[in-house]
């Protein structure tokens, strides 16, 4: 059985996808992750998505490719996406690349919450 790169759960109408890789730094991992993420979105039929990074300790720009594919798919569906549980190192990479904002007034590619529960609660309350 091939390695699963994503663990899926549903909570209050929100699809929660937890990335299982601790490092996102190579093309093969990025492509496998992209395929797993998109497959879970298709299978769930849900438009609200939380990407949980609790297991990810290292990411390079190659690791952003599957995330941007997911963002594009969620936007096509008219859905919402939040990322959460970023380690300090991973959060810094997202901030330096300006994929998340450090200021509420500045738009970025991804919106985030520190905690998984806060991300789920935020999306479950939105329309």
N, C-alpha and C. Protein backbone atom coordinates (compact mmCIF):
# COMPACT_ATOMS: atom_id res chain seq x y z
N UNK A 1 0.85 -1.19 0.00
CA UNK A 1 0.00 0.00 0.00
C UNK A 1 0.89 1.25 0.00
N UNK A 2 0.62 2.20 -0.90
CA UNK A 2 1.46 3.40 -0.96
C UNK A 2 1.30 4.26 0.30
N UNK A 3 2.35 5.00 0.59
CA UNK A 3 2.33 5.89 1.76
C UNK A 3 1.26 6.96 1.58
N UNK A 4 0.50 7.18 2.64
CA UNK A 4 -0.49 8.25 2.60
C UNK A 4 0.17 9.53 3.08
N UNK A 5 -0.01 10.58 2.32
CA UNK A 5 0.58 11.87 2.67
C UNK A 5 -0.38 12.76 3.42
N UNK A 6 -1.65 12.32 3.51
CA UNK A 6 -2.69 13.14 4.13
C UNK A 6 -3.61 12.24 4.96
N UNK A 7 -3.97 12.74 6.12
CA UNK A 7 -5.01 12.08 6.91
C UNK A 7 -6.22 13.01 6.90
N UNK A 8 -7.38 12.45 6.55
CA UNK A 8 -8.60 13.26 6.41
C UNK A 8 -9.57 13.01 7.55
N UNK A 9 -10.23 14.09 7.97
CA UNK A 9 -11.30 14.02 8.96
C UNK A 9 -12.31 15.11 8.61
N UNK A 10 -13.51 14.95 9.13
CA UNK A 10 -14.52 15.99 8.96
C UNK A 10 -14.99 16.43 10.33
N UNK A 11 -15.19 17.73 10.49
CA UNK A 11 -15.62 18.29 11.76
C UNK A 11 -16.50 19.50 11.48
N UNK A 12 -17.76 19.42 11.87
CA UNK A 12 -18.71 20.53 11.72
C UNK A 12 -18.79 21.05 10.29
N UNK A 13 -18.79 20.14 9.32
CA UNK A 13 -18.91 20.53 7.92
C UNK A 13 -17.62 21.04 7.31
N UNK A 14 -16.51 20.85 8.02
CA UNK A 14 -15.19 21.29 7.55
C UNK A 14 -14.34 20.06 7.29
N UNK A 15 -13.70 20.02 6.13
CA UNK A 15 -12.75 18.96 5.83
C UNK A 15 -11.40 19.35 6.43
N UNK A 16 -10.86 18.49 7.27
CA UNK A 16 -9.57 18.75 7.91
C UNK A 16 -8.57 17.75 7.35
N UNK A 17 -7.56 18.27 6.68
CA UNK A 17 -6.53 17.43 6.09
C UNK A 17 -5.21 17.68 6.82
N UNK A 18 -4.72 16.64 7.48
CA UNK A 18 -3.46 16.73 8.22
C UNK A 18 -2.35 16.14 7.35
N UNK A 19 -1.36 16.96 7.05
CA UNK A 19 -0.23 16.51 6.24
C UNK A 19 0.62 15.58 7.09
N UNK A 20 0.95 14.40 6.54
CA UNK A 20 1.66 13.37 7.29
C UNK A 20 3.19 13.44 7.14
N UNK A 21 3.67 14.18 6.17
CA UNK A 21 5.11 14.29 5.95
C UNK A 21 5.70 15.31 6.90
N UNK A 22 6.89 15.02 7.43
CA UNK A 22 7.53 16.01 8.30
C UNK A 22 8.41 16.98 7.51
N UNK A 23 8.72 16.62 6.26
CA UNK A 23 9.50 17.51 5.40
C UNK A 23 8.87 17.57 4.01
N UNK A 24 8.67 18.78 3.51
CA UNK A 24 8.12 19.00 2.17
C UNK A 24 9.20 19.71 1.35
N UNK A 25 10.02 18.91 0.67
CA UNK A 25 11.18 19.51 0.01
C UNK A 25 11.57 18.88 -1.32
N UNK A 26 10.80 17.91 -1.80
CA UNK A 26 11.19 17.28 -3.07
C UNK A 26 10.00 17.21 -4.01
N UNK A 27 10.30 17.17 -5.30
CA UNK A 27 9.24 17.07 -6.31
C UNK A 27 8.37 15.82 -6.13
N UNK A 28 8.94 14.63 -5.89
CA UNK A 28 8.08 13.46 -5.73
C UNK A 28 7.12 13.58 -4.54
N UNK A 29 7.59 14.09 -3.42
CA UNK A 29 6.72 14.27 -2.25
C UNK A 29 5.66 15.33 -2.55
N UNK A 30 6.07 16.43 -3.17
CA UNK A 30 5.12 17.50 -3.48
C UNK A 30 4.01 17.00 -4.42
N UNK A 31 4.37 16.23 -5.42
CA UNK A 31 3.37 15.73 -6.37
C UNK A 31 2.44 14.71 -5.71
N UNK A 32 2.99 13.82 -4.91
CA UNK A 32 2.15 12.83 -4.21
C UNK A 32 1.21 13.54 -3.23
N UNK A 33 1.72 14.55 -2.54
CA UNK A 33 0.89 15.31 -1.61
C UNK A 33 -0.23 16.03 -2.36
N UNK A 34 0.10 16.64 -3.48
CA UNK A 34 -0.90 17.33 -4.30
C UNK A 34 -2.02 16.37 -4.71
N UNK A 35 -1.64 15.21 -5.20
CA UNK A 35 -2.64 14.23 -5.63
C UNK A 35 -3.52 13.79 -4.46
N UNK A 36 -2.91 13.52 -3.32
CA UNK A 36 -3.69 13.09 -2.15
C UNK A 36 -4.64 14.19 -1.67
N UNK A 37 -4.16 15.43 -1.62
CA UNK A 37 -5.00 16.54 -1.17
C UNK A 37 -6.20 16.73 -2.10
N UNK A 38 -5.94 16.77 -3.40
CA UNK A 38 -7.03 16.98 -4.36
C UNK A 38 -8.02 15.82 -4.36
N UNK A 39 -7.53 14.61 -4.18
CA UNK A 39 -8.41 13.45 -4.12
C UNK A 39 -9.34 13.53 -2.90
N UNK A 40 -8.81 13.94 -1.78
CA UNK A 40 -9.62 14.06 -0.56
C UNK A 40 -10.68 15.16 -0.72
N UNK A 41 -10.32 16.25 -1.37
CA UNK A 41 -11.29 17.33 -1.60
C UNK A 41 -12.42 16.82 -2.50
N UNK A 42 -12.07 16.14 -3.58
CA UNK A 42 -13.08 15.58 -4.48
C UNK A 42 -14.00 14.61 -3.75
N UNK A 43 -13.43 13.69 -3.00
CA UNK A 43 -14.21 12.66 -2.32
C UNK A 43 -15.13 13.23 -1.26
N UNK A 44 -14.71 14.28 -0.59
CA UNK A 44 -15.50 14.82 0.54
C UNK A 44 -16.72 15.60 0.06
N UNK A 45 -16.57 16.31 -1.06
CA UNK A 45 -17.64 17.18 -1.51
C UNK A 45 -17.79 18.44 -0.67
N UNK A 46 -16.87 18.66 0.27
CA UNK A 46 -16.94 19.85 1.13
C UNK A 46 -16.16 21.00 0.52
N UNK A 47 -16.57 22.22 0.85
CA UNK A 47 -15.92 23.41 0.30
C UNK A 47 -15.10 24.17 1.34
N UNK A 48 -15.24 23.79 2.60
CA UNK A 48 -14.46 24.43 3.67
C UNK A 48 -13.36 23.47 4.08
N UNK A 49 -12.12 23.99 4.05
CA UNK A 49 -10.96 23.13 4.23
C UNK A 49 -9.96 23.73 5.20
N UNK A 50 -9.49 22.91 6.12
CA UNK A 50 -8.38 23.26 7.01
C UNK A 50 -7.22 22.34 6.67
N UNK A 51 -6.06 22.93 6.41
CA UNK A 51 -4.83 22.17 6.21
C UNK A 51 -4.03 22.26 7.50
N UNK A 52 -3.83 21.13 8.13
CA UNK A 52 -3.15 21.05 9.43
C UNK A 52 -1.70 20.64 9.20
N UNK A 53 -0.79 21.49 9.65
CA UNK A 53 0.66 21.30 9.46
C UNK A 53 1.36 20.79 10.72
N UNK A 54 0.62 20.23 11.67
CA UNK A 54 1.22 19.88 12.96
C UNK A 54 2.43 18.95 12.84
N UNK A 55 2.51 18.12 11.81
CA UNK A 55 3.62 17.17 11.66
C UNK A 55 4.75 17.72 10.80
N UNK A 56 4.51 18.83 10.11
CA UNK A 56 5.51 19.38 9.18
C UNK A 56 6.52 20.23 9.94
N UNK A 57 7.79 19.88 9.81
CA UNK A 57 8.86 20.60 10.50
C UNK A 57 9.75 21.40 9.55
N UNK A 58 9.66 21.09 8.24
CA UNK A 58 10.55 21.72 7.26
C UNK A 58 9.82 21.81 5.94
N UNK A 59 9.92 22.97 5.29
CA UNK A 59 9.28 23.15 3.99
C UNK A 59 10.18 24.05 3.13
N UNK A 60 10.26 23.71 1.85
CA UNK A 60 10.94 24.57 0.89
C UNK A 60 9.89 25.07 -0.10
N UNK A 61 10.30 25.90 -1.02
CA UNK A 61 9.35 26.44 -1.99
C UNK A 61 8.71 25.33 -2.83
N UNK A 62 9.37 24.22 -3.01
CA UNK A 62 8.77 23.08 -3.73
C UNK A 62 7.52 22.61 -2.99
N UNK A 63 7.55 22.67 -1.68
CA UNK A 63 6.41 22.26 -0.87
C UNK A 63 5.20 23.15 -1.02
N UNK A 64 5.39 24.34 -1.56
CA UNK A 64 4.25 25.24 -1.77
C UNK A 64 3.42 24.87 -3.00
N UNK A 65 4.01 24.14 -3.93
CA UNK A 65 3.29 23.79 -5.17
C UNK A 65 1.97 23.07 -4.90
N UNK A 66 1.95 22.01 -4.08
CA UNK A 66 0.66 21.36 -3.83
C UNK A 66 -0.32 22.25 -3.08
N UNK A 67 0.20 23.11 -2.23
CA UNK A 67 -0.66 24.01 -1.46
C UNK A 67 -1.34 25.03 -2.37
N UNK A 68 -0.60 25.52 -3.34
CA UNK A 68 -1.18 26.47 -4.28
C UNK A 68 -2.21 25.79 -5.19
N UNK A 69 -1.97 24.52 -5.54
CA UNK A 69 -2.97 23.76 -6.31
C UNK A 69 -4.26 23.60 -5.51
N UNK A 70 -4.13 23.31 -4.23
CA UNK A 70 -5.30 23.17 -3.37
C UNK A 70 -6.03 24.50 -3.25
N UNK A 71 -5.29 25.56 -3.07
CA UNK A 71 -5.90 26.90 -2.97
C UNK A 71 -6.70 27.22 -4.23
N UNK A 72 -6.13 26.91 -5.39
CA UNK A 72 -6.81 27.15 -6.66
C UNK A 72 -8.10 26.33 -6.74
N UNK A 73 -8.04 25.05 -6.34
CA UNK A 73 -9.21 24.18 -6.39
C UNK A 73 -10.30 24.68 -5.45
N UNK A 74 -9.94 25.05 -4.24
CA UNK A 74 -10.92 25.56 -3.27
C UNK A 74 -11.56 26.85 -3.80
N UNK A 75 -10.77 27.71 -4.41
CA UNK A 75 -11.31 28.94 -5.00
C UNK A 75 -12.29 28.62 -6.13
N UNK A 76 -11.95 27.64 -6.98
CA UNK A 76 -12.85 27.23 -8.06
C UNK A 76 -14.19 26.73 -7.52
N UNK A 77 -14.15 26.08 -6.37
CA UNK A 77 -15.37 25.55 -5.75
C UNK A 77 -16.15 26.62 -4.98
N UNK A 78 -15.57 27.82 -4.88
CA UNK A 78 -16.21 28.87 -4.09
C UNK A 78 -16.09 28.61 -2.60
N UNK A 79 -15.06 27.88 -2.21
CA UNK A 79 -14.88 27.50 -0.81
C UNK A 79 -13.94 28.40 -0.04
N UNK A 80 -13.57 27.91 1.14
CA UNK A 80 -12.68 28.65 2.03
C UNK A 80 -11.59 27.70 2.52
N UNK A 81 -10.40 28.26 2.73
CA UNK A 81 -9.25 27.47 3.15
C UNK A 81 -8.49 28.21 4.24
N UNK A 82 -8.17 27.48 5.30
CA UNK A 82 -7.29 28.00 6.35
C UNK A 82 -6.18 26.98 6.59
N UNK A 83 -5.00 27.47 6.92
CA UNK A 83 -3.93 26.59 7.35
C UNK A 83 -3.72 26.80 8.84
N UNK A 84 -3.20 25.78 9.52
CA UNK A 84 -3.03 25.89 10.96
C UNK A 84 -1.89 25.01 11.44
N UNK A 85 -1.58 25.19 12.72
CA UNK A 85 -0.57 24.38 13.42
C UNK A 85 0.81 24.46 12.76
N UNK A 86 1.20 25.68 12.37
CA UNK A 86 2.51 25.88 11.77
C UNK A 86 3.58 25.94 12.86
N UNK A 87 4.63 25.13 12.71
CA UNK A 87 5.75 25.22 13.64
C UNK A 87 6.40 26.58 13.44
N UNK A 88 7.18 27.07 14.42
CA UNK A 88 7.83 28.38 14.24
C UNK A 88 8.67 28.45 12.97
N UNK A 89 9.40 27.39 12.65
CA UNK A 89 10.25 27.39 11.44
C UNK A 89 9.41 27.46 10.17
N UNK A 90 8.36 26.64 10.09
CA UNK A 90 7.50 26.62 8.91
C UNK A 90 6.74 27.95 8.79
N UNK A 91 6.28 28.47 9.91
CA UNK A 91 5.57 29.76 9.89
C UNK A 91 6.48 30.86 9.36
N UNK A 92 7.74 30.84 9.76
CA UNK A 92 8.68 31.84 9.28
C UNK A 92 8.86 31.76 7.76
N UNK A 93 8.91 30.55 7.21
CA UNK A 93 9.04 30.39 5.76
C UNK A 93 7.80 30.96 5.06
N UNK A 94 6.61 30.69 5.59
CA UNK A 94 5.39 31.24 5.02
C UNK A 94 5.39 32.77 5.09
N UNK A 95 5.88 33.32 6.19
CA UNK A 95 5.90 34.78 6.34
C UNK A 95 6.92 35.43 5.42
N UNK A 96 8.12 34.85 5.34
CA UNK A 96 9.18 35.42 4.50
C UNK A 96 8.77 35.40 3.03
N UNK A 97 8.08 34.36 2.61
CA UNK A 97 7.64 34.26 1.22
C UNK A 97 6.32 35.02 0.99
N UNK A 98 5.81 35.60 2.06
CA UNK A 98 4.57 36.39 2.04
C UNK A 98 3.35 35.58 1.62
N UNK A 99 3.38 34.27 1.92
CA UNK A 99 2.22 33.44 1.66
C UNK A 99 1.21 33.52 2.81
N UNK A 100 1.68 33.96 3.98
CA UNK A 100 0.77 34.38 5.05
C UNK A 100 1.22 35.76 5.48
N UNK A 101 0.29 36.52 6.01
CA UNK A 101 0.57 37.89 6.40
C UNK A 101 0.81 37.97 7.91
N UNK A 102 1.68 38.88 8.28
CA UNK A 102 1.89 39.14 9.70
C UNK A 102 1.01 40.29 10.18
N UNK A 103 0.31 40.93 9.24
CA UNK A 103 -0.57 42.06 9.57
C UNK A 103 -1.96 41.79 9.02
N UNK A 104 -3.00 42.00 9.84
CA UNK A 104 -4.36 41.74 9.38
C UNK A 104 -4.78 42.55 8.15
N UNK A 105 -4.17 43.69 7.95
CA UNK A 105 -4.56 44.56 6.85
C UNK A 105 -3.94 44.16 5.51
N UNK A 106 -2.99 43.23 5.53
CA UNK A 106 -2.28 42.83 4.32
C UNK A 106 -2.80 41.47 3.86
N UNK A 107 -3.28 41.42 2.61
CA UNK A 107 -3.76 40.16 2.05
C UNK A 107 -2.59 39.26 1.64
N UNK A 108 -2.78 37.97 1.81
CA UNK A 108 -1.76 36.99 1.42
C UNK A 108 -2.47 35.79 0.78
N UNK A 109 -1.69 34.91 0.20
CA UNK A 109 -2.26 33.74 -0.49
C UNK A 109 -3.03 32.83 0.47
N UNK A 110 -2.55 32.71 1.70
CA UNK A 110 -3.18 31.82 2.68
C UNK A 110 -3.53 32.59 3.94
N UNK A 111 -4.69 32.23 4.48
CA UNK A 111 -5.09 32.74 5.78
C UNK A 111 -4.82 31.63 6.78
N UNK A 112 -4.55 31.99 8.03
CA UNK A 112 -4.19 30.95 8.99
C UNK A 112 -4.71 31.24 10.39
N UNK A 113 -4.76 30.20 11.15
CA UNK A 113 -5.03 30.25 12.59
C UNK A 113 -3.92 29.44 13.25
N UNK A 114 -3.58 29.81 14.46
CA UNK A 114 -2.54 29.05 15.15
C UNK A 114 -3.00 27.63 15.47
N UNK A 115 -4.20 27.51 16.01
CA UNK A 115 -4.70 26.22 16.48
C UNK A 115 -5.73 25.63 15.53
N UNK A 116 -5.70 24.31 15.41
CA UNK A 116 -6.65 23.57 14.57
C UNK A 116 -8.10 23.86 14.98
N UNK A 117 -8.36 23.81 16.27
CA UNK A 117 -9.73 24.03 16.76
C UNK A 117 -10.23 25.42 16.36
N UNK A 118 -9.38 26.43 16.43
CA UNK A 118 -9.78 27.79 16.05
C UNK A 118 -10.08 27.87 14.55
N UNK A 119 -9.30 27.18 13.75
CA UNK A 119 -9.52 27.18 12.30
C UNK A 119 -10.86 26.52 11.97
N UNK A 120 -11.13 25.39 12.59
CA UNK A 120 -12.40 24.68 12.35
C UNK A 120 -13.56 25.54 12.80
N UNK A 121 -13.45 26.12 13.99
CA UNK A 121 -14.53 26.96 14.50
C UNK A 121 -14.80 28.15 13.58
N UNK A 122 -13.74 28.78 13.11
CA UNK A 122 -13.89 29.94 12.23
C UNK A 122 -14.62 29.58 10.93
N UNK A 123 -14.22 28.46 10.32
CA UNK A 123 -14.86 28.07 9.06
C UNK A 123 -16.26 27.53 9.28
N UNK A 124 -16.51 26.85 10.38
CA UNK A 124 -17.83 26.29 10.61
C UNK A 124 -18.87 27.38 10.88
N UNK A 125 -18.42 28.55 11.32
CA UNK A 125 -19.34 29.66 11.60
C UNK A 125 -19.57 30.55 10.39
N UNK A 126 -18.74 30.40 9.35
CA UNK A 126 -18.85 31.29 8.19
C UNK A 126 -19.80 30.71 7.16
N UNK A 127 -20.30 31.58 6.29
CA UNK A 127 -21.20 31.13 5.21
C UNK A 127 -20.51 31.14 3.89
